[in-house]
């Protein structure tokens, strides 16, 4: 099993990392506040985990019908990458995304506790139906789309717990605890 760089993933990770580093750096004239080192490290750990999960040898093993490796890859994307990225994003960097009224209202609806739970769970479980699972293994474009939807679903799923924005706030702490308990049930299956 050899390691090699997948150009589109490598470029995506470099753009994501470069954009984040510039946004939180003192060189950014629009930077609102300093970002703590633990948040920067969390974001960069999320990006590194994303890079590892989507590159060979892990991606190659996952594609060669090693179901356990395939599941580890998806668990990394949903249970490590998504929360680490959210932890690392400062609220002042997220707020401009939610300024448009329609975006803010849609985000508030999709990140409500029951909806976020359903979106996160369905985006993960849907791809493990036999027909879609096989299609994703056979078609690279479908496989890449699978990973994008798993990450997007996981970001929505983690939002009620990890959001720090005023525009699309997290749930109350008691509801977060209940949400995490309920969230563990589908993951157990």
Protein backbone atom coordinates (compact mmCIF):
# COMPACT_ATOMS: atom_id res chain seq x y z
CA UNK A 1 0.00 0.00 0.00
CA UNK A 2 1.55 3.28 -1.10
CA UNK A 3 0.90 6.89 -0.24
CA UNK A 4 0.36 9.46 -2.95
CA UNK A 5 -1.32 12.83 -3.12
CA UNK A 6 -4.78 13.13 -4.63
CA UNK A 7 -4.57 16.53 -6.39
CA UNK A 8 -8.14 17.77 -5.84
CA UNK A 9 -8.17 16.80 -2.17
CA UNK A 10 -4.68 18.18 -1.57
CA UNK A 11 -5.61 21.46 -3.26
CA UNK A 12 -8.88 21.66 -1.29
CA UNK A 13 -7.09 21.07 2.01
CA UNK A 14 -4.40 23.65 1.14
CA UNK A 15 -7.02 26.27 0.19
CA UNK A 16 -9.03 25.54 3.37
CA UNK A 17 -5.90 25.77 5.53
CA UNK A 18 -4.52 28.85 3.79
CA UNK A 19 -7.87 30.65 3.97
CA UNK A 20 -8.22 29.89 7.66
CA UNK A 21 -4.65 30.83 8.56
CA UNK A 22 -4.98 34.13 6.70
CA UNK A 23 -8.42 34.86 8.24
CA UNK A 24 -7.21 34.41 11.82
CA UNK A 25 -3.78 35.97 11.30
CA UNK A 26 -2.77 39.51 12.19
CA UNK A 27 -2.28 40.19 8.44
CA UNK A 28 -6.05 40.04 7.88
CA UNK A 29 -7.31 43.64 8.10
CA UNK A 30 -10.87 42.34 8.75
CA UNK A 31 -9.89 40.17 11.70
CA UNK A 32 -12.22 41.05 14.55
CA UNK A 33 -10.50 39.32 17.44
CA UNK A 34 -7.55 37.12 18.23
CA UNK A 35 -8.20 33.36 17.99
CA UNK A 36 -6.81 31.25 20.83
CA UNK A 37 -4.18 28.63 20.05
CA UNK A 38 -6.39 25.72 21.19
CA UNK A 39 -9.01 26.77 18.60
CA UNK A 40 -6.39 27.10 15.86
CA UNK A 41 -4.96 23.69 16.78
CA UNK A 42 -8.47 22.16 16.76
CA UNK A 43 -9.16 23.50 13.26
CA UNK A 44 -5.78 22.38 11.92
CA UNK A 45 -6.24 18.94 13.54
CA UNK A 46 -9.58 18.72 11.74
CA UNK A 47 -7.92 19.57 8.43
CA UNK A 48 -5.11 17.05 9.01
CA UNK A 49 -7.67 14.38 9.91
CA UNK A 50 -9.62 15.22 6.75
CA UNK A 51 -6.44 14.89 4.70
CA UNK A 52 -5.58 11.52 6.27
CA UNK A 53 -9.12 10.17 5.92
CA UNK A 54 -9.40 11.02 2.22
CA UNK A 55 -5.91 10.04 1.05
CA UNK A 56 -4.26 6.68 0.46
CA UNK A 57 -3.55 4.36 2.10
CA UNK A 58 -6.75 4.79 4.17
CA UNK A 59 -8.94 5.77 1.21
CA UNK A 60 -7.51 2.97 -0.94
CA UNK A 61 -8.17 0.35 1.73
CA UNK A 62 -11.69 1.71 2.23
CA UNK A 63 -12.39 1.51 -1.51
CA UNK A 64 -11.07 -2.05 -1.79
CA UNK A 65 -14.08 -3.41 0.08
CA UNK A 66 -12.51 -3.34 3.51
CA UNK A 67 -15.78 -2.43 5.20
CA UNK A 68 -14.23 -1.81 8.60
CA UNK A 69 -11.71 0.66 7.12
CA UNK A 70 -14.52 2.27 5.11
CA UNK A 71 -16.49 2.77 8.34
CA UNK A 72 -13.43 4.13 10.16
CA UNK A 73 -13.00 6.64 7.35
CA UNK A 74 -16.62 7.78 7.64
CA UNK A 75 -16.45 7.92 11.43
CA UNK A 76 -13.35 10.12 11.17
CA UNK A 77 -15.22 12.48 8.86
CA UNK A 78 -18.36 12.69 11.00
CA UNK A 79 -17.05 12.31 14.56
CA UNK A 80 -13.62 13.98 14.31
CA UNK A 81 -13.32 16.29 11.28
CA UNK A 82 -16.67 18.09 11.61
CA UNK A 83 -16.49 18.88 15.34
CA UNK A 84 -12.82 19.90 15.17
CA UNK A 85 -13.53 22.32 12.32
CA UNK A 86 -16.48 23.83 14.21
CA UNK A 87 -14.47 24.16 17.42
CA UNK A 88 -11.74 25.98 15.52
CA UNK A 89 -13.98 28.49 13.74
CA UNK A 90 -14.34 31.75 15.65
CA UNK A 91 -17.85 33.18 15.78
CA UNK A 92 -16.78 36.41 14.05
CA UNK A 93 -15.67 34.36 11.05
CA UNK A 94 -19.01 32.52 10.87
CA UNK A 95 -21.35 35.49 11.37
CA UNK A 96 -20.99 37.02 7.86
CA UNK A 97 -22.25 33.76 6.31
CA UNK A 98 -25.53 34.18 8.21
CA UNK A 99 -26.12 37.88 7.48
CA UNK A 100 -28.52 37.26 4.58
CA UNK A 101 -31.94 36.75 6.13
CA UNK A 102 -32.80 33.68 4.02
CA UNK A 103 -29.52 31.92 4.87
CA UNK A 104 -29.96 32.67 8.59
CA UNK A 105 -33.56 31.39 8.65
CA UNK A 106 -32.68 28.22 6.71
CA UNK A 107 -29.69 27.56 8.98
CA UNK A 108 -31.81 28.04 12.10
CA UNK A 109 -34.35 25.52 10.85
CA UNK A 110 -31.86 22.86 9.76
CA UNK A 111 -29.83 23.11 12.98
CA UNK A 112 -32.81 22.69 15.32
CA UNK A 113 -32.21 19.66 17.55
CA UNK A 114 -34.56 17.10 15.95
CA UNK A 115 -33.78 18.24 12.41
CA UNK A 116 -30.01 18.27 12.96
CA UNK A 117 -30.21 14.78 14.44
CA UNK A 118 -32.17 13.50 11.45
CA UNK A 119 -29.94 15.24 8.87
CA UNK A 120 -26.73 13.96 10.46
CA UNK A 121 -28.02 10.42 10.91
CA UNK A 122 -29.65 10.14 7.48
CA UNK A 123 -26.63 11.58 5.65
CA UNK A 124 -24.50 8.89 7.30
CA UNK A 125 -26.87 5.91 7.13
CA UNK A 126 -28.22 6.56 3.63
CA UNK A 127 -24.82 5.91 2.07
CA UNK A 128 -24.63 2.53 3.76
CA UNK A 129 -27.65 1.12 1.99
CA UNK A 130 -26.26 -1.70 -0.19
CA UNK A 131 -27.09 -0.12 -3.57
CA UNK A 132 -25.63 3.31 -2.72
CA UNK A 133 -22.67 1.75 -0.93
CA UNK A 134 -21.76 -0.29 -4.03
CA UNK A 135 -22.31 2.68 -6.35
CA UNK A 136 -19.98 4.83 -4.24
CA UNK A 137 -17.31 2.12 -4.41
CA UNK A 138 -17.60 1.89 -8.20
CA UNK A 139 -17.85 5.58 -9.15
CA UNK A 140 -15.24 8.05 -7.87
CA UNK A 141 -17.51 11.09 -8.34
CA UNK A 142 -20.26 9.41 -6.30
CA UNK A 143 -17.69 8.43 -3.66
CA UNK A 144 -16.49 12.04 -3.39
CA UNK A 145 -20.10 13.28 -3.19
CA UNK A 146 -20.71 10.71 -0.43
CA UNK A 147 -17.86 12.19 1.60
CA UNK A 148 -19.11 15.75 1.05
CA UNK A 149 -22.62 14.87 2.21
CA UNK A 150 -21.31 13.00 5.25
CA UNK A 151 -19.19 16.01 6.27
CA UNK A 152 -22.04 18.47 5.60
CA UNK A 153 -24.48 16.31 7.55
CA UNK A 154 -22.00 16.01 10.41
CA UNK A 155 -21.46 19.79 10.53
CA UNK A 156 -25.22 20.26 10.82
CA UNK A 157 -25.43 17.44 13.38
CA UNK A 158 -22.74 18.99 15.60
CA UNK A 159 -23.99 22.58 15.24
CA UNK A 160 -26.52 22.48 18.13
CA UNK A 161 -23.67 21.54 20.47
CA UNK A 162 -20.71 23.51 19.10
CA UNK A 163 -22.12 26.73 17.63
CA UNK A 164 -20.99 29.97 19.20
CA UNK A 165 -22.75 32.34 16.78
CA UNK A 166 -25.61 34.60 17.78
CA UNK A 167 -27.24 34.24 14.36
CA UNK A 168 -27.60 30.46 14.58
CA UNK A 169 -27.09 29.64 18.25
CA UNK A 170 -26.48 26.31 19.92
CA UNK A 171 -29.05 24.62 22.12
CA UNK A 172 -29.16 25.13 25.88
CA UNK A 173 -26.72 23.00 27.90
CA UNK A 174 -29.37 20.62 29.29
CA UNK A 175 -30.70 20.08 25.77
CA UNK A 176 -27.16 19.54 24.48
CA UNK A 177 -26.66 16.73 27.01
CA UNK A 178 -29.95 15.10 26.05
CA UNK A 179 -29.12 15.57 22.35
CA UNK A 180 -25.73 13.88 22.72
CA UNK A 181 -27.33 10.92 24.53
CA UNK A 182 -29.99 10.56 21.83
CA UNK A 183 -27.33 11.07 19.13
CA UNK A 184 -25.36 8.09 20.44
CA UNK A 185 -28.29 5.71 19.79
CA UNK A 186 -28.20 5.70 15.94
CA UNK A 187 -24.39 5.63 16.04
CA UNK A 188 -24.54 2.47 18.16
CA UNK A 189 -26.43 0.65 15.45
